Amino acid sequence: LLVSREIHADGKGSARLMGRPVTVSILRELGAMLINIHGQHDNQ
């Protein structure tokens, strides 16, 4: 998979999946199946 995010200085942003536009909510749903990040807040 090729995943890309752009965040502009004016606060706008965009996301692409396999070169096509994708919503951040879809990325978030897929991301939970691909990578698991354990941060210090997880202890809380």
PDB file of all heavy atoms in Angstrom:
ATOM      1  N   LEU A   1       0.838  -1.197   0.000  1.00  0.00           N
ATOM      2  CA  LEU A   1       0.000   0.000   0.000  1.00  0.00           C
ATOM      3  C   LEU A   1       0.872   1.246   0.000  1.00  0.00           C
ATOM      4  O   LEU A   1       1.893   1.300   0.687  1.00  0.00           O
ATOM      5  CB  LEU A   1      -0.896   0.040   1.238  1.00  0.00           C
ATOM      6  CG  LEU A   1      -2.107  -0.884   1.301  1.00  0.00           C
ATOM      7  CD1 LEU A   1      -2.818  -0.682   2.626  1.00  0.00           C
ATOM      8  CD2 LEU A   1      -3.049  -0.633   0.143  1.00  0.00           C
ATOM      9  N   LEU A   2       0.441   2.258  -0.752  1.00  0.00           N
ATOM     10  CA  LEU A   2       1.090   3.570  -0.743  1.00  0.00           C
ATOM     11  C   LEU A   2       0.121   4.546  -0.093  1.00  0.00           C
ATOM     12  O   LEU A   2      -0.985   4.767  -0.591  1.00  0.00           O
ATOM     13  CB  LEU A   2       1.434   4.021  -2.163  1.00  0.00           C
ATOM     14  CG  LEU A   2       2.070   5.427  -2.293  1.00  0.00           C
ATOM     15  CD1 LEU A   2       3.452   5.425  -1.639  1.00  0.00           C
ATOM     16  CD2 LEU A   2       2.174   5.834  -3.758  1.00  0.00           C
ATOM     17  N   VAL A   3       0.518   5.117   1.044  1.00  0.00           N
ATOM     18  CA  VAL A   3      -0.344   6.033   1.797  1.00  0.00           C
ATOM     19  C   VAL A   3       0.361   7.373   1.922  1.00  0.00           C
ATOM     20  O   VAL A   3       1.568   7.427   2.180  1.00  0.00           O
ATOM     21  CB  VAL A   3      -0.639   5.481   3.207  1.00  0.00           C
ATOM     22  CG1 VAL A   3      -1.671   6.361   3.905  1.00  0.00           C
ATOM     23  CG2 VAL A   3      -1.121   4.049   3.144  1.00  0.00           C
ATOM     24  N   SER A   4      -0.393   8.466   1.726  1.00  0.00           N
ATOM     25  CA  SER A   4       0.212   9.796   1.787  1.00  0.00           C
ATOM     26  C   SER A   4      -0.718  10.780   2.466  1.00  0.00           C
ATOM     27  O   SER A   4      -1.936  10.734   2.279  1.00  0.00           O
ATOM     28  CB  SER A   4       0.541  10.284   0.363  1.00  0.00           C
ATOM     29  OG  SER A   4       1.165  11.556   0.406  1.00  0.00           O
ATOM     30  N   ARG A   5      -0.129  11.662   3.303  1.00  0.00           N
ATOM     31  CA  ARG A   5      -0.879  12.767   3.922  1.00  0.00           C
ATOM     32  C   ARG A   5      -0.161  14.073   3.644  1.00  0.00           C
ATOM     33  O   ARG A   5       1.073  14.140   3.661  1.00  0.00           O
ATOM     34  CB  ARG A   5      -0.955  12.586   5.441  1.00  0.00           C
ATOM     35  CG  ARG A   5      -1.858  11.509   5.958  1.00  0.00           C
ATOM     36  CD  ARG A   5      -3.327  11.878   5.936  1.00  0.00           C
ATOM     37  NE  ARG A   5      -3.689  13.025   6.727  1.00  0.00           N
ATOM     38  CZ  ARG A   5      -3.951  12.991   8.023  1.00  0.00           C
ATOM     39  NH1 ARG A   5      -3.814  11.864   8.704  1.00  0.00           N
ATOM     40  NH2 ARG A   5      -4.344  14.087   8.661  1.00  0.00           N
ATOM     41  N   GLU A   6      -0.936  15.109   3.377  1.00  0.00           N
ATOM     42  CA  GLU A   6      -0.405  16.468   3.238  1.00  0.00           C
ATOM     43  C   GLU A   6      -1.120  17.376   4.224  1.00  0.00           C
ATOM     44  O   GLU A   6      -2.345  17.357   4.311  1.00  0.00           O
ATOM     45  CB  GLU A   6      -0.597  16.989   1.814  1.00  0.00           C
ATOM     46  CG  GLU A   6       0.280  16.324   0.770  1.00  0.00           C
ATOM     47  CD  GLU A   6       0.163  17.005  -0.601  1.00  0.00           C
ATOM     48  OE1 GLU A   6      -0.600  17.987  -0.709  1.00  0.00           O
ATOM     49  OE2 GLU A   6       0.836  16.555  -1.537  1.00  0.00           O
ATOM     50  N   ILE A   7      -0.352  18.169   4.960  1.00  0.00           N
ATOM     51  CA  ILE A   7      -0.918  19.150   5.885  1.00  0.00           C
ATOM     52  C   ILE A   7      -0.396  20.513   5.460  1.00  0.00           C
ATOM     53  O   ILE A   7       0.816  20.748   5.446  1.00  0.00           O
ATOM     54  CB  ILE A   7      -0.500  18.868   7.335  1.00  0.00           C
ATOM     55  CG1 ILE A   7      -0.751  17.397   7.697  1.00  0.00           C
ATOM     56  CG2 ILE A   7      -1.225  19.802   8.283  1.00  0.00           C
ATOM     57  CD1 ILE A   7      -2.181  16.959   7.590  1.00  0.00           C
ATOM     58  N   HIS A   8      -1.288  21.428   5.086  1.00  0.00           N
ATOM     59  CA  HIS A   8      -0.891  22.749   4.601  1.00  0.00           C
ATOM     60  C   HIS A   8      -0.780  23.743   5.754  1.00  0.00           C
ATOM     61  O   HIS A   8      -1.401  23.582   6.818  1.00  0.00           O
ATOM     62  CB  HIS A   8      -1.894  23.248   3.563  1.00  0.00           C
ATOM     63  CG  HIS A   8      -1.900  22.425   2.300  1.00  0.00           C
ATOM     64  ND1 HIS A   8      -1.256  22.800   1.152  1.00  0.00           N
ATOM     65  CD2 HIS A   8      -2.454  21.211   2.035  1.00  0.00           C
ATOM     66  CE1 HIS A   8      -1.421  21.873   0.224  1.00  0.00           C
ATOM     67  NE2 HIS A   8      -2.154  20.897   0.742  1.00  0.00           N
ATOM     68  N   ALA A   9      -0.004  24.759   5.531  1.00  0.00           N
ATOM     69  CA  ALA A   9       0.243  25.761   6.568  1.00  0.00           C
ATOM     70  C   ALA A   9      -1.026  26.510   6.970  1.00  0.00           C
ATOM     71  O   ALA A   9      -1.099  27.069   8.062  1.00  0.00           O
ATOM     72  CB  ALA A   9       1.306  26.747   6.092  1.00  0.00           C
ATOM     73  N   ASP A  10      -2.034  26.524   6.082  1.00  0.00           N
ATOM     74  CA  ASP A  10      -3.294  27.198   6.412  1.00  0.00           C
ATOM     75  C   ASP A  10      -4.264  26.275   7.145  1.00  0.00           C
ATOM     76  O   ASP A  10      -5.403  26.661   7.427  1.00  0.00           O
ATOM     77  CB  ASP A  10      -3.953  27.764   5.146  1.00  0.00           C
ATOM     78  CG  ASP A  10      -4.306  26.680   4.124  1.00  0.00           C
ATOM     79  OD1 ASP A  10      -4.079  25.482   4.416  1.00  0.00           O
ATOM     80  OD2 ASP A  10      -4.783  27.035   3.029  1.00  0.00           O
ATOM     81  N   GLY A  11      -3.812  25.070   7.450  1.00  0.00           N
ATOM     82  CA  GLY A  11      -4.652  24.135   8.208  1.00  0.00           C
ATOM     83  C   GLY A  11      -5.383  23.118   7.359  1.00  0.00           C
ATOM     84  O   GLY A  11      -5.913  22.135   7.876  1.00  0.00           O
ATOM     85  N   LYS A  12      -5.421  23.320   6.040  1.00  0.00           N
ATOM     86  CA  LYS A  12      -6.095  22.365   5.170  1.00  0.00           C
ATOM     87  C   LYS A  12      -5.199  21.148   4.967  1.00  0.00           C
ATOM     88  O   LYS A  12      -3.982  21.203   5.176  1.00  0.00           O
ATOM     89  CB  LYS A  12      -6.429  23.011   3.829  1.00  0.00           C
ATOM     90  CG  LYS A  12      -7.419  24.168   3.935  1.00  0.00           C
ATOM     91  CD  LYS A  12      -7.690  24.786   2.576  1.00  0.00           C
ATOM     92  CE  LYS A  12      -8.664  25.949   2.689  1.00  0.00           C
ATOM     93  NZ  LYS A  12      -8.910  26.606   1.372  1.00  0.00           N
ATOM     94  N   GLY A  13      -5.797  20.055   4.547  1.00  0.00           N
ATOM     95  CA  GLY A  13      -5.014  18.849   4.334  1.00  0.00           C
ATOM     96  C   GLY A  13      -5.688  17.905   3.362  1.00  0.00           C
ATOM     97  O   GLY A  13      -6.838  18.107   2.959  1.00  0.00           O
ATOM     98  N   SER A  14      -4.955  16.875   2.970  1.00  0.00           N
ATOM     99  CA  SER A  14      -5.500  15.875   2.065  1.00  0.00           C
ATOM    100  C   SER A  14      -4.824  14.540   2.348  1.00  0.00           C
ATOM    101  O   SER A  14      -3.751  14.483   2.950  1.00  0.00           O
ATOM    102  CB  SER A  14      -5.277  16.284   0.595  1.00  0.00           C
ATOM    103  OG  SER A  14      -3.884  16.375   0.312  1.00  0.00           O
ATOM    104  N   ALA A  15      -5.465  13.470   1.930  1.00  0.00           N
ATOM    105  CA  ALA A  15      -4.926  12.124   2.109  1.00  0.00           C
ATOM    106  C   ALA A  15      -5.133  11.334   0.831  1.00  0.00           C
ATOM    107  O   ALA A  15      -6.130  11.527   0.125  1.00  0.00           O
ATOM    108  CB  ALA A  15      -5.608  11.427   3.279  1.00  0.00           C
ATOM    109  N   ARG A  16      -4.176  10.447   0.538  1.00  0.00           N
ATOM    110  CA  ARG A  16      -4.271   9.606  -0.660  1.00  0.00           C
ATOM    111  C   ARG A  16      -3.892   8.174  -0.300  1.00  0.00           C
ATOM    112  O   ARG A  16      -2.993   7.931   0.505  1.00  0.00           O
ATOM    113  CB  ARG A  16      -3.368  10.136  -1.774  1.00  0.00           C
ATOM    114  CG  ARG A  16      -3.876  11.423  -2.392  1.00  0.00           C
ATOM    115  CD  ARG A  16      -3.051  11.875  -3.600  1.00  0.00           C
ATOM    116  NE  ARG A  16      -3.696  12.991  -4.265  1.00  0.00           N
ATOM    117  CZ  ARG A  16      -4.623  12.879  -5.204  1.00  0.00           C
ATOM    118  NH1 ARG A  16      -4.997  11.681  -5.602  1.00  0.00           N
ATOM    119  NH2 ARG A  16      -5.178  13.929  -5.750  1.00  0.00           N
ATOM    120  N   LEU A  17      -4.596   7.266  -0.948  1.00  0.00           N
ATOM    121  CA  LEU A  17      -4.332   5.840  -0.794  1.00  0.00           C
ATOM    122  C   LEU A  17      -4.198   5.243  -2.180  1.00  0.00           C
ATOM    123  O   LEU A  17      -5.124   5.338  -2.988  1.00  0.00           O
ATOM    124  CB  LEU A  17      -5.483   5.175  -0.021  1.00  0.00           C
ATOM    125  CG  LEU A  17      -5.394   3.674   0.213  1.00  0.00           C
ATOM    126  CD1 LEU A  17      -4.161   3.320   1.038  1.00  0.00           C
ATOM    127  CD2 LEU A  17      -6.652   3.168   0.919  1.00  0.00           C
ATOM    128  N   MET A  18      -3.033   4.692  -2.473  1.00  0.00           N
ATOM    129  CA  MET A  18      -2.728   4.156  -3.801  1.00  0.00           C
ATOM    130  C   MET A  18      -2.923   5.228  -4.878  1.00  0.00           C
ATOM    131  O   MET A  18      -3.426   4.970  -5.963  1.00  0.00           O
ATOM    132  CB  MET A  18      -3.590   2.927  -4.102  1.00  0.00           C
ATOM    133  CG  MET A  18      -3.407   1.786  -3.118  1.00  0.00           C
ATOM    134  SD  MET A  18      -1.687   1.229  -2.986  1.00  0.00           S
ATOM    135  CE  MET A  18      -1.439   0.430  -4.579  1.00  0.00           C
ATOM    136  N   GLY A  19      -2.568   6.477  -4.524  1.00  0.00           N
ATOM    137  CA  GLY A  19      -2.641   7.580  -5.470  1.00  0.00           C
ATOM    138  C   GLY A  19      -4.013   8.196  -5.623  1.00  0.00           C
ATOM    139  O   GLY A  19      -4.175   9.181  -6.341  1.00  0.00           O
ATOM    140  N   ARG A  20      -5.019   7.624  -4.944  1.00  0.00           N
ATOM    141  CA  ARG A  20      -6.390   8.144  -5.043  1.00  0.00           C
ATOM    142  C   ARG A  20      -6.797   8.826  -3.740  1.00  0.00           C
ATOM    143  O   ARG A  20      -6.349   8.408  -2.665  1.00  0.00           O
ATOM    144  CB  ARG A  20      -7.362   7.009  -5.350  1.00  0.00           C
ATOM    145  CG  ARG A  20      -7.171   6.373  -6.717  1.00  0.00           C
ATOM    146  CD  ARG A  20      -7.939   5.063  -6.815  1.00  0.00           C
ATOM    147  NE  ARG A  20      -9.310   5.224  -6.341  1.00  0.00           N
ATOM    148  CZ  ARG A  20     -10.079   4.202  -5.952  1.00  0.00           C
ATOM    149  NH1 ARG A  20      -9.600   2.974  -5.970  1.00  0.00           N
ATOM    150  NH2 ARG A  20     -11.312   4.414  -5.546  1.00  0.00           N
ATOM    151  N   PRO A  21      -7.640   9.855  -3.826  1.00  0.00           N
ATOM    152  CA  PRO A  21      -8.088  10.529  -2.602  1.00  0.00           C
ATOM    153  C   PRO A  21      -8.783   9.542  -1.662  1.00  0.00           C
ATOM    154  O   PRO A  21      -9.477   8.621  -2.100  1.00  0.00           O
ATOM    155  CB  PRO A  21      -9.076  11.591  -3.121  1.00  0.00           C
ATOM    156  CG  PRO A  21      -8.663  11.823  -4.538  1.00  0.00           C
ATOM    157  CD  PRO A  21      -8.186  10.502  -5.051  1.00  0.00           C
ATOM    158  N   VAL A  22      -8.585   9.738  -0.371  1.00  0.00           N
ATOM    159  CA  VAL A  22      -9.207   8.887   0.632  1.00  0.00           C
ATOM    160  C   VAL A  22      -9.524   9.736   1.853  1.00  0.00           C
ATOM    161  O   VAL A  22      -8.849  10.731   2.125  1.00  0.00           O
ATOM    162  CB  VAL A  22      -8.265   7.716   1.016  1.00  0.00           C
ATOM    163  CG1 VAL A  22      -7.007   8.228   1.716  1.00  0.00           C
ATOM    164  CG2 VAL A  22      -8.980   6.686   1.876  1.00  0.00           C
ATOM    165  N   THR A  23     -10.571   9.381   2.573  1.00  0.00           N
ATOM    166  CA  THR A  23     -10.911  10.123   3.786  1.00  0.00           C
ATOM    167  C   THR A  23     -10.010   9.683   4.933  1.00  0.00           C
ATOM    168  O   THR A  23      -9.526   8.553   4.966  1.00  0.00           O
ATOM    169  CB  THR A  23     -12.379   9.899   4.187  1.00  0.00           C
ATOM    170  OG1 THR A  23     -12.565   8.520   4.532  1.00  0.00           O
ATOM    171  CG2 THR A  23     -13.320  10.270   3.044  1.00  0.00           C
ATOM    172  N   VAL A  24      -9.819  10.587   5.874  1.00  0.00           N
ATOM    173  CA  VAL A  24      -8.988  10.281   7.031  1.00  0.00           C
ATOM    174  C   VAL A  24      -9.635   9.178   7.875  1.00  0.00           C
ATOM    175  O   VAL A  24      -8.948   8.345   8.467  1.00  0.00           O
ATOM    176  CB  VAL A  24      -8.753  11.546   7.871  1.00  0.00           C
ATOM    177  CG1 VAL A  24      -8.042  11.217   9.174  1.00  0.00           C
ATOM    178  CG2 VAL A  24      -7.939  12.562   7.075  1.00  0.00           C
ATOM    179  N   SER A  25     -10.957   9.143   7.909  1.00  0.00           N
ATOM    180  CA  SER A  25     -11.648   8.107   8.696  1.00  0.00           C
ATOM    181  C   SER A  25     -11.381   6.716   8.136  1.00  0.00           C
ATOM    182  O   SER A  25     -11.228   5.755   8.903  1.00  0.00           O
ATOM    183  CB  SER A  25     -13.159   8.381   8.736  1.00  0.00           C
ATOM    184  OG  SER A  25     -13.702   8.368   7.434  1.00  0.00           O
ATOM    185  N   ILE A  26     -11.305   6.592   6.803  1.00  0.00           N
ATOM    186  CA  ILE A  26     -10.979   5.290   6.207  1.00  0.00           C
ATOM    187  C   ILE A  26      -9.543   4.916   6.548  1.00  0.00           C
ATOM    188  O   ILE A  26      -9.252   3.762   6.890  1.00  0.00           O
ATOM    189  CB  ILE A  26     -11.190   5.321   4.680  1.00  0.00           C
ATOM    190  CG1 ILE A  26     -12.686   5.455   4.347  1.00  0.00           C
ATOM    191  CG2 ILE A  26     -10.614   4.072   4.025  1.00  0.00           C
ATOM    192  CD1 ILE A  26     -12.975   5.554   2.863  1.00  0.00           C
ATOM    193  N   LEU A  27      -8.628   5.891   6.467  1.00  0.00           N
ATOM    194  CA  LEU A  27      -7.242   5.626   6.834  1.00  0.00           C
ATOM    195  C   LEU A  27      -7.147   5.147   8.282  1.00  0.00           C
ATOM    196  O   LEU A  27      -6.385   4.227   8.600  1.00  0.00           O
ATOM    197  CB  LEU A  27      -6.399   6.895   6.676  1.00  0.00           C
ATOM    198  CG  LEU A  27      -5.822   7.225   5.298  1.00  0.00           C
ATOM    199  CD1 LEU A  27      -4.852   8.380   5.419  1.00  0.00           C
ATOM    200  CD2 LEU A  27      -5.135   6.023   4.672  1.00  0.00           C
ATOM    201  N   ARG A  28      -7.917   5.784   9.161  1.00  0.00           N
ATOM    202  CA  ARG A  28      -7.876   5.424  10.571  1.00  0.00           C
ATOM    203  C   ARG A  28      -8.382   3.994  10.775  1.00  0.00           C
ATOM    204  O   ARG A  28      -7.816   3.223  11.559  1.00  0.00           O
ATOM    205  CB  ARG A  28      -8.722   6.416  11.374  1.00  0.00           C
ATOM    206  CG  ARG A  28      -8.577   6.292  12.862  1.00  0.00           C
ATOM    207  CD  ARG A  28      -8.974   7.559  13.581  1.00  0.00           C
ATOM    208  NE  ARG A  28     -10.244   8.085  13.146  1.00  0.00           N
ATOM    209  CZ  ARG A  28     -10.393   9.254  12.502  1.00  0.00           C
ATOM    210  NH1 ARG A  28      -9.344  10.001  12.234  1.00  0.00           N
ATOM    211  NH2 ARG A  28     -11.591   9.683  12.147  1.00  0.00           N
ATOM    212  N   GLU A  29      -9.430   3.637  10.045  1.00  0.00           N
ATOM    213  CA  GLU A  29      -9.981   2.284  10.153  1.00  0.00           C
ATOM    214  C   GLU A  29      -8.988   1.249   9.638  1.00  0.00           C
ATOM    215  O   GLU A  29      -8.786   0.200  10.258  1.00  0.00           O
ATOM    216  CB  GLU A  29     -11.293   2.212   9.364  1.00  0.00           C
ATOM    217  CG  GLU A  29     -12.108   0.973   9.625  1.00  0.00           C
ATOM    218  CD  GLU A  29     -13.474   1.024   8.964  1.00  0.00           C
ATOM    219  OE1 GLU A  29     -13.825   2.077   8.374  1.00  0.00           O
ATOM    220  OE2 GLU A  29     -14.176   0.011   9.014  1.00  0.00           O
ATOM    221  N   LEU A  30      -8.351   1.546   8.510  1.00  0.00           N
ATOM    222  CA  LEU A  30      -7.356   0.633   7.948  1.00  0.00           C
ATOM    223  C   LEU A  30      -6.100   0.585   8.813  1.00  0.00           C
ATOM    224  O   LEU A  30      -5.507  -0.477   9.016  1.00  0.00           O
ATOM    225  CB  LEU A  30      -6.983   1.077   6.528  1.00  0.00           C
ATOM    226  CG  LEU A  30      -7.979   0.767   5.426  1.00  0.00           C
ATOM    227  CD1 LEU A  30      -7.602   1.504   4.154  1.00  0.00           C
ATOM    228  CD2 LEU A  30      -8.040  -0.732   5.165  1.00  0.00           C
ATOM    229  N   GLY A  31      -5.691   1.750   9.314  1.00  0.00           N
ATOM    230  CA  GLY A  31      -4.466   1.832  10.106  1.00  0.00           C
ATOM    231  C   GLY A  31      -4.498   0.919  11.317  1.00  0.00           C
ATOM    232  O   GLY A  31      -3.471   0.335  11.702  1.00  0.00           O
ATOM    233  N   ALA A  32      -5.693   0.760  11.920  1.00  0.00           N
ATOM    234  CA  ALA A  32      -5.820  -0.105  13.092  1.00  0.00           C
ATOM    235  C   ALA A  32      -5.561  -1.565  12.748  1.00  0.00           C
ATOM    236  O   ALA A  32      -5.295  -2.379  13.643  1.00  0.00           O
ATOM    237  CB  ALA A  32      -7.215   0.056  13.693  1.00  0.00           C
ATOM    238  N   MET A  33      -5.632  -1.907  11.461  1.00  0.00           N
ATOM    239  CA  MET A  33      -5.387  -3.283  11.024  1.00  0.00           C
ATOM    240  C   MET A  33      -3.956  -3.489  10.539  1.00  0.00           C
ATOM    241  O   MET A  33      -3.551  -4.617  10.270  1.00  0.00           O
ATOM    242  CB  MET A  33      -6.347  -3.647   9.884  1.00  0.00           C
ATOM    243  CG  MET A  33      -7.797  -3.487  10.207  1.00  0.00           C
ATOM    244  SD  MET A  33      -8.836  -3.801   8.760  1.00  0.00           S
ATOM    245  CE  MET A  33     -10.450  -3.366   9.383  1.00  0.00           C
ATOM    246  N   LEU A  34      -3.193  -2.398  10.415  1.00  0.00           N
ATOM    247  CA  LEU A  34      -1.865  -2.481   9.814  1.00  0.00           C
ATOM    248  C   LEU A  34      -0.735  -2.277  10.815  1.00  0.00           C
ATOM    249  O   LEU A  34       0.274  -2.979  10.789  1.00  0.00           O
ATOM    250  CB  LEU A  34      -1.734  -1.437   8.694  1.00  0.00           C
ATOM    251  CG  LEU A  34      -2.729  -1.555   7.538  1.00  0.00           C
ATOM    252  CD1 LEU A  34      -2.624  -0.340   6.628  1.00  0.00           C
ATOM    253  CD2 LEU A  34      -2.483  -2.829   6.744  1.00  0.00           C
ATOM    254  N   ILE A  35      -0.882  -1.297  11.699  1.00  0.00           N
ATOM    255  CA  ILE A  35       0.190  -0.931  12.623  1.00  0.00           C
ATOM    256  C   ILE A  35      -0.413  -0.646  13.990  1.00  0.00           C
ATOM    257  O   ILE A  35      -1.427   0.039  14.097  1.00  0.00           O
ATOM    258  CB  ILE A  35       0.962   0.313  12.116  1.00  0.00           C
ATOM    259  CG1 ILE A  35       1.660   0.020  10.783  1.00  0.00           C
ATOM    260  CG2 ILE A  35       1.974   0.784  13.155  1.00  0.00           C
ATOM    261  CD1 ILE A  35       2.346   1.227  10.168  1.00  0.00           C
ATOM    262  N   ASN A  36       0.230  -1.153  15.029  1.00  0.00           N
ATOM    263  CA  ASN A  36      -0.212  -0.905  16.390  1.00  0.00           C
ATOM    264  C   ASN A  36       0.870  -0.090  17.098  1.00  0.00           C
ATOM    265  O   ASN A  36       2.008  -0.525  17.204  1.00  0.00           O
ATOM    266  CB  ASN A  36      -0.429  -2.240  17.122  1.00  0.00           C
ATOM    267  CG  ASN A  36      -1.024  -2.040  18.501  1.00  0.00           C
ATOM    268  OD1 ASN A  36      -0.556  -1.224  19.274  1.00  0.00           O
ATOM    269  ND2 ASN A  36      -2.054  -2.809  18.804  1.00  0.00           N
ATOM    270  N   ILE A  37       0.499   1.105  17.544  1.00  0.00           N
ATOM    271  CA  ILE A  37       1.457   1.978  18.238  1.00  0.00           C
ATOM    272  C   ILE A  37       1.129   2.015  19.726  1.00  0.00           C
ATOM    273  O   ILE A  37       0.012   2.341  20.117  1.00  0.00           O
ATOM    274  CB  ILE A  37       1.435   3.407  17.665  1.00  0.00           C
ATOM    275  CG1 ILE A  37       1.873   3.404  16.187  1.00  0.00           C
ATOM    276  CG2 ILE A  37       2.342   4.322  18.470  1.00  0.00           C
ATOM    277  CD1 ILE A  37       1.922   4.770  15.561  1.00  0.00           C
ATOM    278  N   HIS A  38       2.118   1.668  20.537  1.00  0.00           N
ATOM    279  CA  HIS A  38       1.973   1.777  21.986  1.00  0.00           C
ATOM    280  C   HIS A  38       2.750   2.988  22.464  1.00  0.00           C
ATOM    281  O   HIS A  38       3.972   3.030  22.400  1.00  0.00           O
ATOM    282  CB  HIS A  38       2.507   0.528  22.688  1.00  0.00           C
ATOM    283  CG  HIS A  38       2.606   0.712  24.178  1.00  0.00           C
ATOM    284  ND1 HIS A  38       1.502   0.662  25.000  1.00  0.00           N
ATOM    285  CD2 HIS A  38       3.664   0.980  24.984  1.00  0.00           C
ATOM    286  CE1 HIS A  38       1.886   0.883  26.251  1.00  0.00           C
ATOM    287  NE2 HIS A  38       3.187   1.079  26.269  1.00  0.00           N
ATOM    288  N   GLY A  39       2.000   4.005  22.903  1.00  0.00           N
ATOM    289  CA  GLY A  39       2.634   5.203  23.438  1.00  0.00           C
ATOM    290  C   GLY A  39       2.545   5.211  24.954  1.00  0.00           C
ATOM    291  O   GLY A  39       1.894   4.366  25.574  1.00  0.00           O
ATOM    292  N   GLN A  40       3.200   6.196  25.552  1.00  0.00           N
ATOM    293  CA  GLN A  40       3.208   6.258  27.016  1.00  0.00           C
ATOM    294  C   GLN A  40       1.807   6.474  27.583  1.00  0.00           C
ATOM    295  O   GLN A  40       1.506   6.042  28.693  1.00  0.00           O
ATOM    296  CB  GLN A  40       4.140   7.380  27.470  1.00  0.00           C
ATOM    297  CG  GLN A  40       5.607   7.122  27.104  1.00  0.00           C
ATOM    298  CD  GLN A  40       6.515   8.227  27.599  1.00  0.00           C
ATOM    299  OE1 GLN A  40       6.466   8.626  28.741  1.00  0.00           O
ATOM    300  NE2 GLN A  40       7.357   8.735  26.714  1.00  0.00           N
ATOM    301  N   HIS A  41       0.923   7.116  26.793  1.00  0.00           N
ATOM    302  CA  HIS A  41      -0.431   7.359  27.287  1.00  0.00           C
ATOM    303  C   HIS A  41      -1.240   6.072  27.391  1.00  0.00           C
ATOM    304  O   HIS A  41      -2.257   6.006  28.081  1.00  0.00           O
ATOM    305  CB  HIS A  41      -1.155   8.341  26.367  1.00  0.00           C
ATOM    306  CG  HIS A  41      -1.553   7.748  25.057  1.00  0.00           C
ATOM    307  ND1 HIS A  41      -0.657   7.607  24.017  1.00  0.00           N
ATOM    308  CD2 HIS A  41      -2.738   7.246  24.613  1.00  0.00           C
ATOM    309  CE1 HIS A  41      -1.272   7.045  22.992  1.00  0.00           C
ATOM    310  NE2 HIS A  41      -2.524   6.819  23.331  1.00  0.00           N
ATOM    311  N   ASP A  42      -0.787   4.990  26.698  1.00  0.00           N
ATOM    312  CA  ASP A  42      -1.508   3.732  26.765  1.00  0.00           C
ATOM    313  C   ASP A  42      -1.507   3.162  28.176  1.00  0.00           C
ATOM    314  O   ASP A  42      -2.423   2.430  28.565  1.00  0.00           O
ATOM    315  CB  ASP A  42      -0.886   2.707  25.803  1.00  0.00           C
ATOM    316  CG  ASP A  42      -1.240   2.999  24.353  1.00  0.00           C
ATOM    317  OD1 ASP A  42      -1.963   3.980  24.125  1.00  0.00           O
ATOM    318  OD2 ASP A  42      -0.804   2.254  23.464  1.00  0.00           O
ATOM    319  N   ASN A  43      -0.485   3.467  28.951  1.00  0.00           N
ATOM    320  CA  ASN A  43      -0.472   3.026  30.335  1.00  0.00           C
ATOM    321  C   ASN A  43      -1.640   3.625  31.108  1.00  0.00           C
ATOM    322  O   ASN A  43      -2.220   2.990  31.990  1.00  0.00           O
ATOM    323  CB  ASN A  43       0.842   3.417  31.010  1.00  0.00           C
ATOM    324  CG  ASN A  43       2.024   2.642  30.438  1.00  0.00           C
ATOM    325  OD1 ASN A  43       1.847   1.630  29.770  1.00  0.00           O
ATOM    326  ND2 ASN A  43       3.228   3.127  30.699  1.00  0.00           N
ATOM    327  N   GLN A  44      -1.989   4.868  30.768  1.00  0.00           N
ATOM    328  CA  GLN A  44      -3.134   5.504  31.415  1.00  0.00           C
ATOM    329  C   GLN A  44      -4.441   4.831  31.007  1.00  0.00           C
ATOM    330  O   GLN A  44      -5.388   4.756  31.793  1.00  0.00           O
ATOM    331  CB  GLN A  44      -3.175   7.004  31.055  1.00  0.00           C
ATOM    332  CG  GLN A  44      -1.904   7.757  31.436  1.00  0.00           C
ATOM    333  CD  GLN A  44      -1.560   7.610  32.898  1.00  0.00           C
ATOM    334  OE1 GLN A  44      -2.422   7.765  33.758  1.00  0.00           O
ATOM    335  NE2 GLN A  44      -0.294   7.299  33.181  1.00  0.00           N
TER     336      GLN A  44
END
